[in-house]
N, C-alpha and C. Protein backbone atom coordinates (compact mmCIF):
# COMPACT_ATOMS: atom_id res chain seq x y z
N MET A 1 40.06 0.58 -15.73
CA MET A 1 38.92 0.04 -14.84
C MET A 1 37.37 -0.61 -15.99
N MET A 2 37.06 -1.64 -15.10
CA MET A 2 36.42 -1.59 -15.69
C MET A 2 34.85 -1.61 -14.55
N LEU A 3 34.30 -1.40 -15.86
CA LEU A 3 33.03 -0.14 -15.71
C LEU A 3 31.74 -1.44 -14.24
N HIS A 4 31.90 -2.30 -14.02
CA HIS A 4 31.23 -2.96 -13.50
C HIS A 4 31.64 -2.78 -11.96
N ARG A 5 33.22 -2.47 -11.67
CA ARG A 5 34.08 -2.49 -10.65
C ARG A 5 33.81 -0.56 -10.11
N VAL A 6 33.54 0.15 -11.44
CA VAL A 6 33.20 1.07 -10.75
C VAL A 6 31.96 1.40 -10.21
N GLY A 7 30.90 1.09 -10.65
CA GLY A 7 29.30 1.28 -9.60
C GLY A 7 29.58 0.66 -8.97
N LEU A 8 29.91 -0.96 -9.05
CA LEU A 8 30.51 -1.78 -7.30
C LEU A 8 31.17 -0.56 -5.96
N ARG A 9 32.08 0.28 -6.77
CA ARG A 9 32.98 1.01 -5.79
C ARG A 9 31.53 1.60 -5.00
N ALA A 10 31.19 3.13 -6.71
CA ALA A 10 29.96 3.42 -5.43
C ALA A 10 28.83 2.90 -4.76
N LEU A 11 28.05 2.66 -4.91
CA LEU A 11 27.43 1.04 -4.38
C LEU A 11 28.18 1.35 -2.78
N VAL A 12 29.35 0.23 -2.74
CA VAL A 12 30.10 0.46 -1.41
C VAL A 12 30.31 2.26 -1.12
N ALA A 13 30.71 2.84 -1.91
CA ALA A 13 31.27 3.76 -1.25
C ALA A 13 29.35 4.94 -0.62
N TYR A 14 28.14 4.60 -1.51
CA TYR A 14 27.19 4.86 -0.29
C TYR A 14 27.17 4.15 0.64
N ALA A 15 27.38 3.94 0.87
CA ALA A 15 26.99 2.27 2.61
C ALA A 15 27.84 2.61 3.27
N LEU A 16 28.93 3.28 3.13
CA LEU A 16 30.16 3.84 3.78
C LEU A 16 29.61 5.16 4.86
N LEU A 17 29.33 5.81 3.65
CA LEU A 17 29.16 7.25 4.22
C LEU A 17 27.98 7.20 4.11
N LEU A 18 26.58 7.09 3.82
CA LEU A 18 25.01 6.79 4.91
C LEU A 18 25.75 5.79 6.20
N ALA A 19 26.35 5.03 5.88
CA ALA A 19 26.52 4.72 8.04
C ALA A 19 27.81 5.60 8.58
N LEU A 20 28.14 6.39 8.01
CA LEU A 20 29.01 7.56 8.46
C LEU A 20 28.17 8.48 9.57
N LEU A 21 27.29 9.32 8.33
CA LEU A 21 26.43 9.85 8.66
C LEU A 21 25.45 9.51 9.78
N ARG A 22 24.95 8.31 9.46
CA ARG A 22 24.04 8.27 11.01
C ARG A 22 24.45 8.18 12.12
N LEU A 23 25.67 7.06 11.92
CA LEU A 23 26.38 7.47 13.61
C LEU A 23 26.60 9.20 13.69
N SER A 24 26.87 10.28 12.48
CA SER A 24 27.60 11.49 13.26
C SER A 24 25.89 12.43 13.68
N GLY A 25 25.06 11.75 14.32
CA GLY A 25 24.01 12.23 14.33
C GLY A 25 23.39 12.71 13.97
N LYS A 26 22.04 13.71 14.86
CA LYS A 26 21.14 15.09 13.77
C LYS A 26 21.67 16.26 13.92
N ARG A 27 22.55 16.74 13.92
CA ARG A 27 23.46 18.44 13.84
C ARG A 27 24.05 17.99 13.02
N LEU A 28 24.35 17.09 12.34
CA LEU A 28 25.29 16.64 10.66
C LEU A 28 24.34 17.96 9.63
N VAL A 29 22.96 17.21 10.09
CA VAL A 29 22.46 16.37 9.09
C VAL A 29 20.68 17.13 8.95
N SER A 30 20.86 18.29 9.69
CA SER A 30 19.74 18.88 9.67
C SER A 30 19.44 20.29 8.21
N GLU A 31 17.79 19.63 8.08
CA GLU A 31 17.20 19.83 6.97
C GLU A 31 16.85 18.99 6.11
N CYS A 32 17.27 17.93 6.01
CA CYS A 32 17.93 16.44 5.15
C CYS A 32 18.14 15.36 5.10
N THR A 33 18.15 14.97 4.87
CA THR A 33 18.00 13.70 5.25
C THR A 33 18.98 12.95 5.37
N PRO A 34 20.07 12.25 5.78
CA PRO A 34 21.70 12.16 5.74
C PRO A 34 21.58 10.76 4.24
N ALA A 35 20.64 9.69 3.39
CA ALA A 35 21.00 9.44 2.35
C ALA A 35 20.65 10.85 0.95
N ASP A 36 19.77 12.16 1.74
CA ASP A 36 20.07 13.26 0.45
C ASP A 36 21.52 13.84 0.63
N LEU A 37 21.46 14.64 1.95
CA LEU A 37 22.93 14.94 1.82
C LEU A 37 24.00 14.01 1.32
N MET A 38 24.53 12.65 1.65
CA MET A 38 25.10 11.20 0.57
C MET A 38 24.96 11.92 -0.57
N MET A 39 23.85 12.16 -1.10
CA MET A 39 23.85 11.64 -2.55
C MET A 39 24.43 13.55 -3.45
N SER A 40 24.26 13.76 -2.39
CA SER A 40 24.60 15.79 -3.06
C SER A 40 26.21 15.15 -2.83
N LEU A 41 26.22 14.84 -1.82
CA LEU A 41 28.26 14.28 -1.42
C LEU A 41 28.76 14.09 -2.38
N PHE A 42 28.04 12.76 -3.19
CA PHE A 42 28.63 11.39 -3.92
C PHE A 42 28.61 12.94 -6.01
N LEU A 43 27.26 12.83 -5.82
CA LEU A 43 27.73 13.48 -6.73
C LEU A 43 28.00 14.78 -6.99
N GLY A 44 27.75 15.55 -6.84
CA GLY A 44 29.00 16.82 -6.44
C GLY A 44 30.57 16.38 -6.81
N ASP A 45 31.14 15.47 -5.75
CA ASP A 45 32.40 14.98 -5.72
C ASP A 45 32.71 14.41 -7.52
N MET A 46 32.03 13.68 -7.71
CA MET A 46 31.80 13.19 -9.07
C MET A 46 31.79 13.91 -10.04
N ILE A 47 31.23 15.18 -10.59
CA ILE A 47 30.90 15.84 -11.23
C ILE A 47 32.32 17.49 -11.35
N ASP A 48 33.07 17.33 -9.58
CA ASP A 48 34.41 17.87 -9.80
C ASP A 48 35.48 16.72 -10.32
N ASP A 49 35.18 16.04 -10.30
CA ASP A 49 36.41 14.48 -11.10
C ASP A 49 36.51 14.28 -12.16
N TYR A 50 34.52 14.80 -13.10
CA TYR A 50 34.00 14.48 -15.04
C TYR A 50 34.84 15.36 -15.46
N LEU A 51 34.22 16.85 -14.37
CA LEU A 51 35.08 18.47 -15.14
C LEU A 51 36.18 18.78 -15.20
N TRP A 52 37.11 18.21 -14.49
CA TRP A 52 38.37 18.28 -13.98
C TRP A 52 38.86 17.08 -14.81
N ALA A 53 38.88 16.18 -15.93
CA ALA A 53 39.12 14.96 -16.49
C ALA A 53 39.96 14.28 -15.75
N ASP A 54 39.28 14.07 -14.61
CA ASP A 54 39.84 12.63 -14.35
C ASP A 54 39.63 11.44 -13.99
N VAL A 55 38.51 11.57 -14.58
CA VAL A 55 37.43 10.52 -14.50
C VAL A 55 37.05 10.34 -16.27
N PRO A 56 37.17 8.88 -16.68
CA PRO A 56 36.99 8.92 -18.32
C PRO A 56 34.86 9.65 -17.67
N PRO A 57 34.17 9.49 -19.36
CA PRO A 57 33.03 10.24 -19.29
C PRO A 57 32.08 9.02 -18.93
N MET A 58 32.82 7.84 -19.51
CA MET A 58 31.57 6.24 -19.25
C MET A 58 31.67 6.26 -18.26
N GLN A 59 32.36 6.80 -17.03
CA GLN A 59 33.03 5.96 -15.72
C GLN A 59 32.54 6.88 -14.84
N PHE A 60 32.10 8.33 -15.29
CA PHE A 60 31.32 9.10 -14.51
C PHE A 60 30.04 8.33 -14.18
N PHE A 61 29.36 8.20 -16.06
CA PHE A 61 28.27 7.74 -15.80
C PHE A 61 27.67 6.40 -15.35
N VAL A 62 28.53 5.97 -15.36
CA VAL A 62 28.55 4.06 -14.49
C VAL A 62 27.96 4.43 -12.94
N ALA A 63 29.20 5.15 -12.34
CA ALA A 63 29.05 5.87 -11.14
C ALA A 63 27.62 7.11 -10.59
N ALA A 64 27.86 7.90 -11.23
CA ALA A 64 26.14 8.68 -10.69
C ALA A 64 25.51 7.68 -10.88
N THR A 65 25.17 7.20 -12.07
CA THR A 65 23.70 6.61 -12.54
C THR A 65 23.58 5.77 -11.22
N THR A 66 25.09 4.79 -10.88
CA THR A 66 24.98 4.30 -9.97
C THR A 66 24.47 4.05 -8.22
N VAL A 67 24.27 6.18 -8.41
CA VAL A 67 24.87 6.33 -7.13
C VAL A 67 23.09 6.51 -6.63
N VAL A 68 22.91 7.81 -7.82
CA VAL A 68 21.35 8.19 -8.12
C VAL A 68 20.19 6.67 -8.35
N LEU A 69 20.32 5.41 -9.05
CA LEU A 69 19.77 4.31 -8.87
C LEU A 69 19.81 4.58 -7.39
N THR A 70 20.80 4.01 -6.24
CA THR A 70 21.02 3.14 -5.61
C THR A 70 19.87 4.42 -4.64
N HIS A 71 19.71 5.43 -4.49
CA HIS A 71 19.48 6.49 -3.92
C HIS A 71 17.45 6.44 -3.90
N LEU A 72 17.25 6.34 -4.91
CA LEU A 72 15.78 6.17 -5.61
C LEU A 72 15.64 4.44 -4.88
N LEU A 73 16.69 3.54 -4.82
CA LEU A 73 15.86 1.97 -4.43
C LEU A 73 16.31 1.96 -2.27
N VAL A 74 16.52 2.72 -2.64
CA VAL A 74 16.67 3.64 -0.61
C VAL A 74 15.71 4.47 -0.12
N THR A 75 14.88 5.93 -1.08
CA THR A 75 13.91 6.32 -1.00
C THR A 75 13.03 5.63 -1.12
N PHE A 76 12.83 4.69 -1.73
CA PHE A 76 10.94 3.25 -1.95
C PHE A 76 11.26 2.77 -0.75
N GLY A 77 12.66 2.75 -0.41
CA GLY A 77 12.54 1.08 0.57
C GLY A 77 11.80 2.21 2.21
N ARG A 78 12.79 2.91 1.92
CA ARG A 78 11.78 3.60 3.06
C ARG A 78 10.35 4.39 2.73
N GLY A 79 9.71 3.91 2.34
CA GLY A 79 8.87 4.19 1.80
C GLY A 79 7.28 3.10 1.92
N VAL A 80 8.17 1.36 1.58
CA VAL A 80 7.72 0.57 1.93
C VAL A 80 8.21 -0.31 2.98
N TRP A 81 9.47 -0.39 3.31
CA TRP A 81 9.38 -1.17 4.57
C TRP A 81 10.01 0.06 5.66
N PRO A 82 8.73 -0.07 7.01
CA PRO A 82 9.30 0.99 8.32
C PRO A 82 10.69 0.97 8.86
N ARG A 83 11.10 -1.06 8.52
CA ARG A 83 12.23 -0.94 9.39
C ARG A 83 12.97 -0.56 8.75
N PHE A 84 13.73 -0.48 7.24
CA PHE A 84 14.07 -0.25 6.81
C PHE A 84 14.25 1.09 6.84
N GLU A 85 13.10 2.11 7.08
CA GLU A 85 12.74 3.20 6.77
C GLU A 85 13.40 3.65 8.39
N ARG A 86 13.74 3.35 9.31
CA ARG A 86 14.33 3.55 10.86
C ARG A 86 15.92 3.48 10.55
N LEU A 87 16.05 2.43 9.73
CA LEU A 87 17.68 1.89 9.82
C LEU A 87 18.19 3.01 9.22
N VAL A 88 17.28 3.72 7.51
CA VAL A 88 18.67 4.35 6.82
C VAL A 88 18.42 6.10 7.68
N GLU A 89 17.37 6.31 7.67
CA GLU A 89 16.67 7.87 8.47
C GLU A 89 16.91 7.87 10.34
N GLY A 90 16.85 6.85 10.99
CA GLY A 90 16.88 6.67 12.53
C GLY A 90 15.60 7.08 12.69
N ALA A 91 15.22 7.53 13.78
CA ALA A 91 14.15 7.90 15.20
C ALA A 91 14.83 9.30 15.27
N PRO A 92 12.85 10.34 15.19
CA PRO A 92 13.51 11.15 16.06
C PRO A 92 13.80 10.92 18.29
N ILE A 93 14.66 11.81 18.35
CA ILE A 93 14.99 11.47 19.96
C ILE A 93 14.12 12.17 20.93
N VAL A 94 13.76 12.11 22.20
CA VAL A 94 13.11 12.10 22.71
C VAL A 94 14.00 13.39 23.88
N ALA A 95 14.60 14.90 23.53
CA ALA A 95 14.63 15.56 23.81
C ALA A 95 13.95 16.77 24.96
N MET A 96 13.26 16.18 25.30
CA MET A 96 12.76 16.66 27.27
C MET A 96 11.24 16.15 27.60
N ARG A 97 11.12 15.41 28.57
CA ARG A 97 9.81 14.85 29.33
C ARG A 97 9.76 15.20 30.18
N GLY A 98 8.12 15.40 30.51
CA GLY A 98 7.82 16.07 31.22
C GLY A 98 8.45 17.51 32.36
N GLY A 99 8.88 17.71 31.16
CA GLY A 99 9.03 19.74 31.53
C GLY A 99 10.89 19.38 31.95
N ARG A 100 11.79 18.57 32.01
CA ARG A 100 13.08 18.14 32.57
C ARG A 100 14.29 17.86 30.89
N PRO A 101 14.78 18.35 30.70
CA PRO A 101 16.00 17.62 29.01
C PRO A 101 16.16 16.14 29.29
N ALA A 102 15.84 15.41 28.26
CA ALA A 102 16.06 13.82 28.38
C ALA A 102 17.31 13.72 28.36
N LEU A 103 18.84 14.24 28.91
CA LEU A 103 19.90 14.60 29.01
C LEU A 103 20.48 13.49 28.26
N GLU A 104 20.35 12.35 28.59
CA GLU A 104 20.97 11.09 28.38
C GLU A 104 20.71 11.00 27.08
N GLN A 105 19.69 11.29 26.47
CA GLN A 105 19.54 10.99 24.86
C GLN A 105 20.03 12.75 24.09
N LEU A 106 20.01 13.75 25.17
CA LEU A 106 21.05 14.76 24.26
C LEU A 106 22.13 14.28 24.28
N ARG A 107 22.45 13.74 25.29
CA ARG A 107 24.19 13.78 24.97
C ARG A 107 24.99 12.41 24.15
N GLY A 108 24.18 11.59 23.85
CA GLY A 108 24.03 10.52 22.95
C GLY A 108 24.15 11.46 21.20
N GLU A 109 22.92 12.51 20.88
CA GLU A 109 23.75 13.14 20.32
C GLU A 109 24.17 14.39 19.86
N ARG A 110 25.14 14.38 21.16
CA ARG A 110 26.01 15.83 21.11
C ARG A 110 25.39 17.14 20.76
N ILE A 111 24.02 17.13 22.16
CA ILE A 111 23.18 18.95 21.65
C ILE A 111 23.33 18.99 23.41
N SER A 112 24.26 20.30 23.21
CA SER A 112 23.62 20.66 24.43
C SER A 112 22.52 21.14 25.92
N ARG A 113 22.27 21.48 26.29
CA ARG A 113 21.27 22.04 27.20
C ARG A 113 20.79 23.19 26.51
N PHE A 114 22.29 24.53 26.25
CA PHE A 114 21.69 25.57 25.26
C PHE A 114 21.38 25.44 23.84
N ASP A 115 21.33 24.79 23.21
CA ASP A 115 22.00 23.76 21.98
C ASP A 115 19.86 23.99 22.05
N LEU A 116 19.54 22.83 23.22
CA LEU A 116 17.70 22.59 23.46
C LEU A 116 17.83 23.99 23.51
N ALA A 117 18.06 24.28 24.73
CA ALA A 117 17.43 25.75 24.41
C ALA A 117 17.61 26.88 23.48
N ALA A 118 18.16 27.02 22.59
CA ALA A 118 18.06 27.26 21.15
C ALA A 118 16.63 26.32 20.44
N ALA A 119 16.70 24.78 20.80
CA ALA A 119 15.41 24.92 19.39
C ALA A 119 14.28 25.04 19.91
N LEU A 120 14.67 24.67 21.17
CA LEU A 120 13.08 25.04 21.91
C LEU A 120 12.28 26.87 22.23
N ARG A 121 13.43 28.06 22.31
CA ARG A 121 12.89 28.90 21.74
C ARG A 121 12.47 29.21 20.33
N SER A 122 12.73 28.31 19.02
CA SER A 122 12.49 28.21 18.12
C SER A 122 10.77 28.05 18.13
N CYS A 123 10.70 26.96 19.12
CA CYS A 123 8.69 26.57 18.69
C CYS A 123 8.20 27.55 19.79
N GLY A 124 8.60 28.31 20.25
CA GLY A 124 7.92 29.09 21.10
C GLY A 124 7.64 28.93 23.13
N LEU A 125 9.68 28.16 23.07
CA LEU A 125 8.74 28.20 24.26
C LEU A 125 10.56 29.17 25.20
N THR A 126 10.50 28.76 25.86
CA THR A 126 11.21 30.27 26.97
C THR A 126 11.09 28.65 27.95
N ARG A 127 12.38 28.98 28.63
CA ARG A 127 12.88 28.33 29.99
C ARG A 127 12.32 28.39 30.62
N HIS A 128 10.94 29.46 31.00
CA HIS A 128 10.00 29.40 32.12
C HIS A 128 8.72 28.47 31.49
N ARG A 129 9.06 28.06 30.20
CA ARG A 129 7.36 27.56 29.75
C ARG A 129 7.72 26.03 30.09
N TRP A 130 9.04 25.50 30.20
CA TRP A 130 9.40 24.26 30.30
C TRP A 130 8.26 23.17 30.81
N SER A 131 8.29 24.01 31.81
CA SER A 131 7.09 22.93 32.42
C SER A 131 5.80 22.63 31.91
N GLU A 132 5.71 23.59 30.95
CA GLU A 132 4.43 23.00 29.49
C GLU A 132 4.37 22.37 29.12
N VAL A 133 6.18 21.21 28.63
CA VAL A 133 5.35 20.23 27.16
C VAL A 133 5.87 18.96 28.50
N ARG A 134 5.02 18.73 28.11
CA ARG A 134 4.69 17.02 27.99
C ARG A 134 5.96 16.14 27.74
N ALA A 135 6.15 16.53 26.27
CA ALA A 135 7.77 15.70 25.54
C ALA A 135 8.58 16.64 24.33
N ALA A 136 9.04 17.18 23.68
CA ALA A 136 10.37 17.14 22.98
C ALA A 136 10.53 16.75 22.12
N TYR A 137 11.07 16.38 21.02
CA TYR A 137 11.78 15.61 19.99
C TYR A 137 12.81 16.35 19.00
N ILE A 138 14.00 15.70 18.99
CA ILE A 138 14.04 15.88 17.88
C ILE A 138 14.39 15.75 17.22
N GLU A 139 13.85 15.79 16.05
CA GLU A 139 13.20 15.04 14.32
C GLU A 139 14.23 14.40 13.73
N ASN A 140 14.51 14.10 12.76
CA ASN A 140 15.82 13.60 11.57
C ASN A 140 16.10 14.97 11.18
N ASP A 141 15.04 15.34 10.08
CA ASP A 141 15.84 15.93 9.88
C ASP A 141 16.08 18.06 11.15
N GLY A 142 16.02 17.66 12.31
CA GLY A 142 16.97 17.97 13.19
C GLY A 142 16.25 18.75 13.62
N SER A 143 15.14 19.67 12.77
CA SER A 143 13.75 20.71 13.84
C SER A 143 13.70 20.09 14.99
N THR A 144 13.19 20.63 15.78
CA THR A 144 11.90 20.20 16.94
C THR A 144 10.50 20.32 17.23
N SER A 145 10.18 19.67 17.39
CA SER A 145 8.90 20.04 18.13
C SER A 145 8.27 19.35 19.50
N SER A 146 7.13 19.47 19.84
CA SER A 146 6.96 19.56 20.77
C SER A 146 5.55 19.50 21.15
N LEU A 147 5.32 18.70 22.57
CA LEU A 147 3.77 18.07 22.91
C LEU A 147 3.15 19.19 24.22
N PRO A 148 2.42 19.47 23.93
CA PRO A 148 1.99 19.99 25.78
C PRO A 148 1.44 18.89 25.76
N TRP A 149 1.48 19.31 27.67
CA TRP A 149 0.26 18.67 28.20
C TRP A 149 -0.60 19.01 27.86
N PRO A 150 -1.44 18.11 28.30
CA PRO A 150 -2.88 18.21 27.65
C PRO A 150 -4.32 18.13 28.66
N ASN A 151 -4.27 19.42 28.64
CA ASN A 151 -5.77 20.25 29.01
C ASN A 151 -6.29 18.92 30.36
N ASP A 152 -6.99 19.71 31.47
CA ASP A 152 -7.35 18.40 32.56
C ASP A 152 -8.97 18.18 32.36
N GLU A 153 -10.04 19.59 31.72
CA GLU A 153 -10.62 19.32 32.10
C GLU A 153 -11.16 19.33 30.78
N PRO A 154 -12.33 19.79 29.65
CA PRO A 154 -13.27 20.26 29.21
C PRO A 154 -13.37 21.49 28.99
N ALA A 155 -14.08 22.37 28.38
CA ALA A 155 -14.69 23.80 28.82
C ALA A 155 -16.04 23.04 29.36
N ARG A 156 -16.66 23.44 29.65
CA ARG A 156 -17.72 23.47 30.48
C ARG A 156 -18.67 24.89 30.29
N ARG A 157 -19.50 24.79 29.72
CA ARG A 157 -20.68 25.73 29.82
C ARG A 157 -20.43 26.67 31.21
N SER A 158 -21.25 25.87 32.53
CA SER A 158 -20.88 26.86 33.76
C SER A 158 -18.80 27.87 33.83
N ASP A 159 -18.27 27.81 33.34
CA ASP A 159 -17.14 28.13 33.07
C ASP A 159 -17.63 29.12 32.15
N ALA A 160 -18.59 29.67 31.89
CA ALA A 160 -18.78 30.68 30.64
C ALA A 160 -18.62 32.74 31.57
N PRO A 161 -18.76 32.48 32.78
CA PRO A 161 -19.27 33.76 33.32
C PRO A 161 -17.06 33.94 34.10
N ARG A 162 -16.97 32.60 34.49
CA ARG A 162 -15.64 33.38 34.86
C ARG A 162 -14.38 33.63 33.59
N ALA A 163 -14.11 32.42 32.52
CA ALA A 163 -14.25 33.36 31.50
C ALA A 163 -14.25 34.72 31.31
N ALA A 164 -15.76 35.27 30.91
CA ALA A 164 -16.09 36.54 30.63
C ALA A 164 -15.33 36.94 31.11
N ARG A 165 -14.93 37.14 33.01
CA ARG A 165 -14.60 37.85 34.12
C ARG A 165 -12.89 38.28 34.00
N LEU A 166 -12.01 36.64 33.13
CA LEU A 166 -11.38 36.90 32.86
C LEU A 166 -11.11 38.15 31.76
N ARG A 167 -12.39 37.64 30.86
CA ARG A 167 -11.65 38.49 29.85
C ARG A 167 -11.62 40.99 29.44
N ALA A 168 -12.86 40.51 30.60
CA ALA A 168 -12.86 41.76 30.73
C ALA A 168 -11.26 42.39 31.61
N ARG A 169 -10.97 41.53 33.01
CA ARG A 169 -9.23 41.82 33.31
C ARG A 169 -9.25 42.65 31.95
N GLU A 170 -8.17 41.40 32.04
CA GLU A 170 -7.33 41.95 30.51
C GLU A 170 -8.14 42.81 29.49
N ALA A 171 -8.64 42.91 29.48
CA ALA A 171 -8.65 44.31 28.46
C ALA A 171 -8.60 45.36 29.35
N ARG A 172 -9.19 45.46 30.20
CA ARG A 172 -9.18 46.73 30.95
C ARG A 172 -7.03 46.77 31.18
N ARG A 173 -6.73 45.75 32.15
CA ARG A 173 -5.26 45.99 31.62
C ARG A 173 -4.92 46.30 30.73
N ASP A 174 -5.16 45.52 29.16
CA ASP A 174 -4.35 46.25 27.82
C ASP A 174 -5.50 47.92 27.61
N SER A 175 -6.31 47.94 27.98
CA SER A 175 -5.88 49.49 28.14
C SER A 175 -5.69 50.08 28.85
N SER A 176 -5.09 49.55 30.07
CA SER A 176 -4.64 50.84 30.43
C SER A 176 -3.15 50.94 30.21
N ALA A 177 -2.32 49.87 29.62
CA ALA A 177 -1.32 49.91 28.99
C ALA A 177 -1.73 50.83 27.63
N GLY A 178 -2.41 51.04 27.23
CA GLY A 178 -2.84 51.26 25.85
C GLY A 178 -2.74 50.69 24.81
N GLN A 179 -3.21 49.45 24.62
CA GLN A 179 -3.12 48.62 23.64
C GLN A 179 -4.66 47.89 22.89
N GLY A 180 -5.78 48.99 24.27
CA GLY A 180 -7.02 49.06 23.13
C GLY A 180 -7.17 47.66 23.84
N PRO A 181 -8.90 46.87 23.36
CA PRO A 181 -9.94 46.34 24.05
C PRO A 181 -9.56 45.31 23.41
N ILE A 182 -9.23 43.72 24.23
CA ILE A 182 -9.36 42.42 23.00
C ILE A 182 -11.30 42.61 22.29
N PRO A 183 -10.93 42.27 21.80
CA PRO A 183 -13.03 41.83 21.07
C PRO A 183 -12.53 40.79 21.52
N PRO A 184 -14.20 40.55 22.19
CA PRO A 184 -14.90 38.95 22.36
C PRO A 184 -14.52 38.30 21.62
N VAL A 185 -14.43 36.58 22.43
CA VAL A 185 -14.78 35.81 21.37
C VAL A 185 -15.72 34.56 21.17
N ALA A 186 -16.56 35.33 19.92
CA ALA A 186 -17.72 34.18 19.14
C ALA A 186 -17.57 33.40 19.59
N GLY A 187 -18.60 32.76 19.77
CA GLY A 187 -18.61 30.78 20.75
C GLY A 187 -19.98 30.65 21.32
């Protein structure tokens, strides 16, 4: 087989696998980008073929080089053109809005309510605290991020006596529970 055909086949296979991984959703490529996973899969399979002498060394070199160079171009393109990055990597999805799961978005990514609850627990948000979440997102790498509701008003000097009373009440409660007093906050 001619070397330029091997390079062309590797390029076509790269594009096809990237498209398939993008369509598969965020659950499949947790913790790495689709392009990173693809390059790993490609090179792993190519090395296997090379090691078992299914492919001559020059064909392996051309195919592996084509995959790596394509990956570098894709990585460069993601950094330069935001639209290209969105095409290759996708965009974070809204998993929760206003304290409620965004069911349509979750269905599109094949994420159940149980999976969402587990992801939010990893952010420290149990179900009874969902009302505190203004928005939660499933990021491109599969991780979860959340935004709390903004505070209604900034604290004022006139709030200090009430805050002191609340601190004293918490200190009494904690000392009666055997945890000791809470040190005052400097400020």
